[in-house]
Amino acid sequence: MRFPTVDRGETLRARLKFWFMGVITRSRAPDVIRTMEHRPKLLGKPFQAALQVSLRGPSVWSVGHRELMAAYTSKQNRCPF
């Protein structure tokens, strides 16, 4: 179960973002984006910052290797992202 505001967007900005993404991609905005927009100060911004550091920050692995590892992990977890 999830809050209806996660699906439709709690703010006008989020609703417009979801609508625009739907127009461009011709599909529903991904759940991960909807979840991050639900409470951006609580989850969205901190999660995005951690993700940015882990995928783009300094590392002995290239960005491509890190993206490939993330894609493989998502596939193993049957996650569409």
PDB file of N, CA and C in Angstrom:
ATOM      1  N   MET A   1       0.838  -1.174   0.000  1.00  0.00           N
ATOM      2  CA  MET A   1       0.000   0.000   0.000  1.00  0.00           C
ATOM      3  C   MET A   1       0.884   1.239   0.000  1.00  0.00           C
ATOM      4  N   ARG A   2       0.472   2.226  -0.742  1.00  0.00           N
ATOM      5  CA  ARG A   2       1.229   3.465  -0.697  1.00  0.00           C
ATOM      6  C   ARG A   2       0.257   4.639  -0.743  1.00  0.00           C
ATOM      7  N   PHE A   3       0.752   5.781  -0.293  1.00  0.00           N
ATOM      8  CA  PHE A   3      -0.085   6.972  -0.244  1.00  0.00           C
ATOM      9  C   PHE A   3      -0.491   7.393  -1.654  1.00  0.00           C
ATOM     10  N   PRO A   4      -1.739   7.823  -1.838  1.00  0.00           N
ATOM     11  CA  PRO A   4      -2.167   8.289  -3.170  1.00  0.00           C
ATOM     12  C   PRO A   4      -1.332   9.473  -3.671  1.00  0.00           C
ATOM     13  N   THR A   5      -0.809  10.280  -2.748  1.00  0.00           N
ATOM     14  CA  THR A   5      -0.021  11.437  -3.183  1.00  0.00           C
ATOM     15  C   THR A   5       1.285  11.016  -3.854  1.00  0.00           C
ATOM     16  N   VAL A   6       1.757   9.818  -3.562  1.00  0.00           N
ATOM     17  CA  VAL A   6       2.966   9.337  -4.239  1.00  0.00           C
ATOM     18  C   VAL A   6       2.659   9.119  -5.717  1.00  0.00           C
ATOM     19  N   ASP A   7       1.487   8.588  -6.009  1.00  0.00           N
ATOM     20  CA  ASP A   7       1.113   8.321  -7.401  1.00  0.00           C
ATOM     21  C   ASP A   7       0.782   9.586  -8.186  1.00  0.00           C
ATOM     22  N   ARG A   8       0.052  10.497  -7.568  1.00  0.00           N
ATOM     23  CA  ARG A   8      -0.409  11.659  -8.337  1.00  0.00           C
ATOM     24  C   ARG A   8       0.486  12.876  -8.177  1.00  0.00           C
ATOM     25  N   GLY A   9       1.285  12.917  -7.124  1.00  0.00           N
ATOM     26  CA  GLY A   9       2.126  14.076  -6.851  1.00  0.00           C
ATOM     27  C   GLY A   9       1.471  14.966  -5.818  1.00  0.00           C
ATOM     28  N   GLU A  10       2.211  15.323  -4.802  1.00  0.00           N
ATOM     29  CA  GLU A  10       1.644  16.096  -3.701  1.00  0.00           C
ATOM     30  C   GLU A  10       1.565  17.584  -4.040  1.00  0.00           C
ATOM     31  N   THR A  11       2.529  18.080  -4.776  1.00  0.00           N
ATOM     32  CA  THR A  11       2.561  19.500  -5.108  1.00  0.00           C
ATOM     33  C   THR A  11       2.249  19.696  -6.587  1.00  0.00           C
ATOM     34  N   LEU A  12       1.906  20.903  -6.927  1.00  0.00           N
ATOM     35  CA  LEU A  12       1.650  21.223  -8.328  1.00  0.00           C
ATOM     36  C   LEU A  12       2.910  20.996  -9.162  1.00  0.00           C
ATOM     37  N   ARG A  13       4.042  21.337  -8.602  1.00  0.00           N
ATOM     38  CA  ARG A  13       5.316  21.132  -9.310  1.00  0.00           C
ATOM     39  C   ARG A  13       5.526  19.654  -9.640  1.00  0.00           C
ATOM     40  N   ALA A  14       5.260  18.778  -8.660  1.00  0.00           N
ATOM     41  CA  ALA A  14       5.422  17.337  -8.886  1.00  0.00           C
ATOM     42  C   ALA A  14       4.428  16.832  -9.922  1.00  0.00           C
ATOM     43  N   ARG A  15       3.187  17.291  -9.844  1.00  0.00           N
ATOM     44  CA  ARG A  15       2.182  16.866 -10.820  1.00  0.00           C
ATOM     45  C   ARG A  15       2.571  17.286 -12.231  1.00  0.00           C
ATOM     46  N   LEU A  16       3.056  18.518 -12.353  1.00  0.00           N
ATOM     47  CA  LEU A  16       3.491  18.985 -13.668  1.00  0.00           C
ATOM     48  C   LEU A  16       4.692  18.196 -14.170  1.00  0.00           C
ATOM     49  N   LYS A  17       5.616  17.884 -13.279  1.00  0.00           N
ATOM     50  CA  LYS A  17       6.792  17.089 -13.658  1.00  0.00           C
ATOM     51  C   LYS A  17       6.361  15.703 -14.152  1.00  0.00           C
ATOM     52  N   PHE A  18       5.431  15.059 -13.430  1.00  0.00           N
ATOM     53  CA  PHE A  18       4.954  13.734 -13.838  1.00  0.00           C
ATOM     54  C   PHE A  18       4.235  13.808 -15.184  1.00  0.00           C
ATOM     55  N   TRP A  19       3.427  14.848 -15.365  1.00  0.00           N
ATOM     56  CA  TRP A  19       2.699  15.008 -16.623  1.00  0.00           C
ATOM     57  C   TRP A  19       3.683  15.197 -17.778  1.00  0.00           C
ATOM     58  N   PHE A  20       4.659  16.067 -17.578  1.00  0.00           N
ATOM     59  CA  PHE A  20       5.634  16.348 -18.626  1.00  0.00           C
ATOM     60  C   PHE A  20       6.441  15.103 -18.970  1.00  0.00           C
ATOM     61  N   MET A  21       6.832  14.350 -17.963  1.00  0.00           N
ATOM     62  CA  MET A  21       7.573  13.110 -18.222  1.00  0.00           C
ATOM     63  C   MET A  21       6.720  12.134 -19.022  1.00  0.00           C
ATOM     64  N   GLY A  22       5.427  12.083 -18.704  1.00  0.00           N
ATOM     65  CA  GLY A  22       4.517  11.214 -19.441  1.00  0.00           C
ATOM     66  C   GLY A  22       4.382  11.617 -20.898  1.00  0.00           C
ATOM     67  N   VAL A  23       4.332  12.918 -21.143  1.00  0.00           N
ATOM     68  CA  VAL A  23       4.222  13.413 -22.518  1.00  0.00           C
ATOM     69  C   VAL A  23       5.482  13.070 -23.307  1.00  0.00           C
ATOM     70  N   ILE A  24       6.633  13.285 -22.692  1.00  0.00           N
ATOM     71  CA  ILE A  24       7.909  13.040 -23.385  1.00  0.00           C
ATOM     72  C   ILE A  24       8.152  11.548 -23.617  1.00  0.00           C
ATOM     73  N   THR A  25       7.952  10.738 -22.576  1.00  0.00           N
ATOM     74  CA  THR A  25       8.284   9.313 -22.678  1.00  0.00           C
ATOM     75  C   THR A  25       7.117   8.449 -23.146  1.00  0.00           C
ATOM     76  N   ARG A  26       5.918   9.048 -23.171  1.00  0.00           N
ATOM     77  CA  ARG A  26       4.697   8.310 -23.519  1.00  0.00           C
ATOM     78  C   ARG A  26       4.446   7.142 -22.590  1.00  0.00           C
ATOM     79  N   SER A  27       4.857   7.310 -21.345  1.00  0.00           N
ATOM     80  CA  SER A  27       4.592   6.300 -20.320  1.00  0.00           C
ATOM     81  C   SER A  27       4.542   7.003 -18.963  1.00  0.00           C
ATOM     82  N   ARG A  28       4.140   6.281 -17.987  1.00  0.00           N
ATOM     83  CA  ARG A  28       4.015   6.799 -16.628  1.00  0.00           C
ATOM     84  C   ARG A  28       5.402   7.099 -16.062  1.00  0.00           C
ATOM     85  N   ALA A  29       5.501   8.142 -15.242  1.00  0.00           N
ATOM     86  CA  ALA A  29       6.779   8.455 -14.590  1.00  0.00           C
ATOM     87  C   ALA A  29       7.185   7.277 -13.704  1.00  0.00           C
ATOM     88  N   PRO A  30       8.463   6.923 -13.665  1.00  0.00           N
ATOM     89  CA  PRO A  30       8.914   5.782 -12.858  1.00  0.00           C
ATOM     90  C   PRO A  30       8.599   5.960 -11.369  1.00  0.00           C
ATOM     91  N   ASP A  31       8.331   4.844 -10.700  1.00  0.00           N
ATOM     92  CA  ASP A  31       7.993   4.874  -9.280  1.00  0.00           C
ATOM     93  C   ASP A  31       9.106   5.478  -8.434  1.00  0.00           C
ATOM     94  N   VAL A  32      10.355   5.252  -8.812  1.00  0.00           N
ATOM     95  CA  VAL A  32      11.455   5.795  -8.017  1.00  0.00           C
ATOM     96  C   VAL A  32      11.420   7.325  -8.031  1.00  0.00           C
ATOM     97  N   ILE A  33      11.068   7.910  -9.141  1.00  0.00           N
ATOM     98  CA  ILE A  33      10.970   9.372  -9.223  1.00  0.00           C
ATOM     99  C   ILE A  33       9.761   9.859  -8.449  1.00  0.00           C
ATOM    100  N   ARG A  34       8.658   9.146  -8.551  1.00  0.00           N
ATOM    101  CA  ARG A  34       7.459   9.512  -7.792  1.00  0.00           C
ATOM    102  C   ARG A  34       7.733   9.458  -6.288  1.00  0.00           C
ATOM    103  N   THR A  35       8.459   8.458  -5.841  1.00  0.00           N
ATOM    104  CA  THR A  35       8.772   8.327  -4.415  1.00  0.00           C
ATOM    105  C   THR A  35       9.683   9.452  -3.952  1.00  0.00           C
ATOM    106  N   MET A  36      10.691   9.797  -4.742  1.00  0.00           N
ATOM    107  CA  MET A  36      11.601  10.874  -4.349  1.00  0.00           C
ATOM    108  C   MET A  36      10.897  12.224  -4.319  1.00  0.00           C
ATOM    109  N   GLU A  37       9.890  12.403  -5.158  1.00  0.00           N
ATOM    110  CA  GLU A  37       9.143  13.661  -5.175  1.00  0.00           C
ATOM    111  C   GLU A  37       8.133  13.753  -4.032  1.00  0.00           C
ATOM    112  N   HIS A  38       7.794  12.611  -3.419  1.00  0.00           N
ATOM    113  CA  HIS A  38       6.782  12.614  -2.361  1.00  0.00           C
ATOM    114  C   HIS A  38       7.212  13.473  -1.179  1.00  0.00           C
ATOM    115  N   ARG A  39       8.382  13.259  -0.683  1.00  0.00           N
ATOM    116  CA  ARG A  39       8.939  14.062   0.410  1.00  0.00           C
ATOM    117  C   ARG A  39      10.379  14.397   0.055  1.00  0.00           C
ATOM    118  N   PRO A  40      10.578  15.386  -0.826  1.00  0.00           N
ATOM    119  CA  PRO A  40      11.927  15.654  -1.335  1.00  0.00           C
ATOM    120  C   PRO A  40      12.943  16.022  -0.259  1.00  0.00           C
ATOM    121  N   LYS A  41      12.536  16.730   0.767  1.00  0.00           N
ATOM    122  CA  LYS A  41      13.500  17.108   1.810  1.00  0.00           C
ATOM    123  C   LYS A  41      13.885  15.915   2.676  1.00  0.00           C
ATOM    124  N   LEU A  42      12.968  14.986   2.855  1.00  0.00           N
ATOM    125  CA  LEU A  42      13.229  13.827   3.709  1.00  0.00           C
ATOM    126  C   LEU A  42      13.954  12.711   2.961  1.00  0.00           C
ATOM    127  N   LEU A  43      13.479  12.403   1.764  1.00  0.00           N
ATOM    128  CA  LEU A  43      14.057  11.288   1.015  1.00  0.00           C
ATOM    129  C   LEU A  43      14.735  11.735  -0.272  1.00  0.00           C
ATOM    130  N   GLY A  44      14.060  12.543  -1.039  1.00  0.00           N
ATOM    131  CA  GLY A  44      14.538  12.881  -2.380  1.00  0.00           C
ATOM    132  C   GLY A  44      15.923  13.468  -2.432  1.00  0.00           C
ATOM    133  N   LYS A  45      16.148  14.582  -1.763  1.00  0.00           N
ATOM    134  CA  LYS A  45      17.455  15.271  -1.830  1.00  0.00           C
ATOM    135  C   LYS A  45      18.575  14.438  -1.205  1.00  0.00           C
ATOM    136  N   PRO A  46      18.401  13.882   0.019  1.00  0.00           N
ATOM    137  CA  PRO A  46      19.484  13.066   0.585  1.00  0.00           C
ATOM    138  C   PRO A  46      19.800  11.823  -0.258  1.00  0.00           C
ATOM    139  N   PHE A  47      18.760  11.183  -0.789  1.00  0.00           N
ATOM    140  CA  PHE A  47      18.976   9.994  -1.611  1.00  0.00           C
ATOM    141  C   PHE A  47      19.714  10.348  -2.895  1.00  0.00           C
ATOM    142  N   GLN A  48      19.308  11.442  -3.526  1.00  0.00           N
ATOM    143  CA  GLN A  48      19.977  11.876  -4.750  1.00  0.00           C
ATOM    144  C   GLN A  48      21.439  12.232  -4.492  1.00  0.00           C
ATOM    145  N   ALA A  49      21.704  12.858  -3.346  1.00  0.00           N
ATOM    146  CA  ALA A  49      23.092  13.212  -3.014  1.00  0.00           C
ATOM    147  C   ALA A  49      23.936  11.957  -2.812  1.00  0.00           C
ATOM    148  N   ALA A  50      23.394  10.974  -2.100  1.00  0.00           N
ATOM    149  CA  ALA A  50      24.128   9.725  -1.879  1.00  0.00           C
ATOM    150  C   ALA A  50      24.343   8.982  -3.197  1.00  0.00           C
ATOM    151  N   LEU A  51      23.336   8.991  -4.031  1.00  0.00           N
ATOM    152  CA  LEU A  51      23.443   8.338  -5.326  1.00  0.00           C
ATOM    153  C   LEU A  51      24.494   9.013  -6.203  1.00  0.00           C
ATOM    154  N   GLN A  52      24.511  10.319  -6.179  1.00  0.00           N
ATOM    155  CA  GLN A  52      25.486  11.080  -6.972  1.00  0.00           C
ATOM    156  C   GLN A  52      26.914  10.740  -6.530  1.00  0.00           C
ATOM    157  N   VAL A  53      27.140  10.685  -5.226  1.00  0.00           N
ATOM    158  CA  VAL A  53      28.473  10.371  -4.711  1.00  0.00           C
ATOM    159  C   VAL A  53      28.863   8.947  -5.092  1.00  0.00           C
ATOM    160  N   SER A  54      27.932   7.997  -4.934  1.00  0.00           N
ATOM    161  CA  SER A  54      28.284   6.606  -5.200  1.00  0.00           C
ATOM    162  C   SER A  54      28.488   6.324  -6.691  1.00  0.00           C
ATOM    163  N   LEU A  55      27.740   6.994  -7.556  1.00  0.00           N
ATOM    164  CA  LEU A  55      27.876   6.714  -8.986  1.00  0.00           C
ATOM    165  C   LEU A  55      28.819   7.660  -9.727  1.00  0.00           C
ATOM    166  N   ARG A  56      29.036   8.845  -9.179  1.00  0.00           N
ATOM    167  CA  ARG A  56      29.858   9.821  -9.899  1.00  0.00           C
ATOM    168  C   ARG A  56      31.057  10.347  -9.111  1.00  0.00           C
ATOM    169  N   GLY A  57      31.124  10.023  -7.837  1.00  0.00           N
ATOM    170  CA  GLY A  57      32.218  10.517  -7.015  1.00  0.00           C
ATOM    171  C   GLY A  57      33.533   9.817  -7.321  1.00  0.00           C
ATOM    172  N   PRO A  58      34.596  10.221  -6.627  1.00  0.00           N
ATOM    173  CA  PRO A  58      35.910   9.608  -6.844  1.00  0.00           C
ATOM    174  C   PRO A  58      35.883   8.105  -6.536  1.00  0.00           C
ATOM    175  N   SER A  59      36.513   7.320  -7.380  1.00  0.00           N
ATOM    176  CA  SER A  59      36.535   5.875  -7.200  1.00  0.00           C
ATOM    177  C   SER A  59      37.605   5.281  -8.101  1.00  0.00           C
ATOM    178  N   VAL A  60      38.043   4.077  -7.760  1.00  0.00           N
ATOM    179  CA  VAL A  60      38.970   3.360  -8.636  1.00  0.00           C
ATOM    180  C   VAL A  60      38.207   2.764  -9.817  1.00  0.00           C
ATOM    181  N   TRP A  61      36.880   2.653  -9.714  1.00  0.00           N
ATOM    182  CA  TRP A  61      36.044   2.140 -10.793  1.00  0.00           C
ATOM    183  C   TRP A  61      35.572   3.296 -11.668  1.00  0.00           C
ATOM    184  N   SER A  62      35.450   3.039 -12.936  1.00  0.00           N
ATOM    185  CA  SER A  62      34.948   4.067 -13.851  1.00  0.00           C
ATOM    186  C   SER A  62      33.442   4.244 -13.645  1.00  0.00           C
ATOM    187  N   VAL A  63      32.920   5.358 -14.138  1.00  0.00           N
ATOM    188  CA  VAL A  63      31.477   5.607 -14.066  1.00  0.00           C
ATOM    189  C   VAL A  63      30.728   4.495 -14.798  1.00  0.00           C
ATOM    190  N   GLY A  64      31.248   4.076 -15.933  1.00  0.00           N
ATOM    191  CA  GLY A  64      30.611   3.004 -16.697  1.00  0.00           C
ATOM    192  C   GLY A  64      30.526   1.698 -15.924  1.00  0.00           C
ATOM    193  N   HIS A  65      31.613   1.342 -15.222  1.00  0.00           N
ATOM    194  CA  HIS A  65      31.596   0.124 -14.413  1.00  0.00           C
ATOM    195  C   HIS A  65      30.562   0.217 -13.289  1.00  0.00           C
ATOM    196  N   ARG A  66      30.478   1.373 -12.660  1.00  0.00           N
ATOM    197  CA  ARG A  66      29.500   1.550 -11.570  1.00  0.00           C
ATOM    198  C   ARG A  66      28.073   1.495 -12.101  1.00  0.00           C
ATOM    199  N   GLU A  67      27.825   2.103 -13.259  1.00  0.00           N
ATOM    200  CA  GLU A  67      26.490   2.046 -13.860  1.00  0.00           C
ATOM    201  C   GLU A  67      26.135   0.603 -14.239  1.00  0.00           C
ATOM    202  N   LEU A  68      27.117  -0.128 -14.781  1.00  0.00           N
ATOM    203  CA  LEU A  68      26.883  -1.521 -15.143  1.00  0.00           C
ATOM    204  C   LEU A  68      26.562  -2.366 -13.915  1.00  0.00           C
ATOM    205  N   MET A  69      27.279  -2.138 -12.818  1.00  0.00           N
ATOM    206  CA  MET A  69      27.008  -2.870 -11.584  1.00  0.00           C
ATOM    207  C   MET A  69      25.606  -2.543 -11.056  1.00  0.00           C
ATOM    208  N   ALA A  70      25.205  -1.286 -11.141  1.00  0.00           N
ATOM    209  CA  ALA A  70      23.860  -0.896 -10.701  1.00  0.00           C
ATOM    210  C   ALA A  70      22.796  -1.551 -11.582  1.00  0.00           C
ATOM    211  N   ALA A  71      23.034  -1.582 -12.887  1.00  0.00           N
ATOM    212  CA  ALA A  71      22.072  -2.209 -13.799  1.00  0.00           C
ATOM    213  C   ALA A  71      21.970  -3.711 -13.548  1.00  0.00           C
ATOM    214  N   TYR A  72      23.114  -4.349 -13.312  1.00  0.00           N
ATOM    215  CA  TYR A  72      23.113  -5.788 -13.041  1.00  0.00           C
ATOM    216  C   TYR A  72      22.377  -6.089 -11.734  1.00  0.00           C
ATOM    217  N   THR A  73      22.630  -5.297 -10.712  1.00  0.00           N
ATOM    218  CA  THR A  73      21.953  -5.491  -9.426  1.00  0.00           C
ATOM    219  C   THR A  73      20.446  -5.314  -9.587  1.00  0.00           C
ATOM    220  N   SER A  74      20.037  -4.301 -10.330  1.00  0.00           N
ATOM    221  CA  SER A  74      18.611  -4.086 -10.581  1.00  0.00           C
ATOM    222  C   SER A  74      18.004  -5.273 -11.310  1.00  0.00           C
ATOM    223  N   LYS A  75      18.713  -5.800 -12.282  1.00  0.00           N
ATOM    224  CA  LYS A  75      18.223  -6.962 -13.034  1.00  0.00           C
ATOM    225  C   LYS A  75      18.072  -8.170 -12.117  1.00  0.00           C
ATOM    226  N   GLN A  76      19.050  -8.398 -11.268  1.00  0.00           N
ATOM    227  CA  GLN A  76      18.982  -9.529 -10.335  1.00  0.00           C
ATOM    228  C   GLN A  76      17.804  -9.380  -9.362  1.00  0.00           C
ATOM    229  N   ASN A  77      17.494  -8.150  -9.003  1.00  0.00           N
ATOM    230  CA  ASN A  77      16.379  -7.884  -8.086  1.00  0.00           C
ATOM    231  C   ASN A  77      15.051  -7.725  -8.822  1.00  0.00           C
ATOM    232  N   ARG A  78      15.087  -7.955 -10.120  1.00  0.00           N
ATOM    233  CA  ARG A  78      13.892  -7.801 -10.985  1.00  0.00           C
ATOM    234  C   ARG A  78      13.288  -6.410 -10.866  1.00  0.00           C
ATOM    235  N   CYS A  79      14.164  -5.431 -10.796  1.00  0.00           N
ATOM    236  CA  CYS A  79      13.770  -4.030 -10.696  1.00  0.00           C
ATOM    237  C   CYS A  79      13.876  -3.408 -12.088  1.00  0.00           C
ATOM    238  N   PRO A  80      12.847  -2.697 -12.553  1.00  0.00           N
ATOM    239  CA  PRO A  80      12.903  -2.153 -13.909  1.00  0.00           C
ATOM    240  C   PRO A  80      13.816  -0.946 -14.067  1.00  0.00           C
ATOM    241  N   PHE A  81      14.442  -0.452 -13.023  1.00  0.00           N
ATOM    242  CA  PHE A  81      15.245   0.757 -13.115  1.00  0.00           C
ATOM    243  C   PHE A  81      16.703   0.439 -13.302  1.00  0.00           C
TER     244      PHE A  81
END
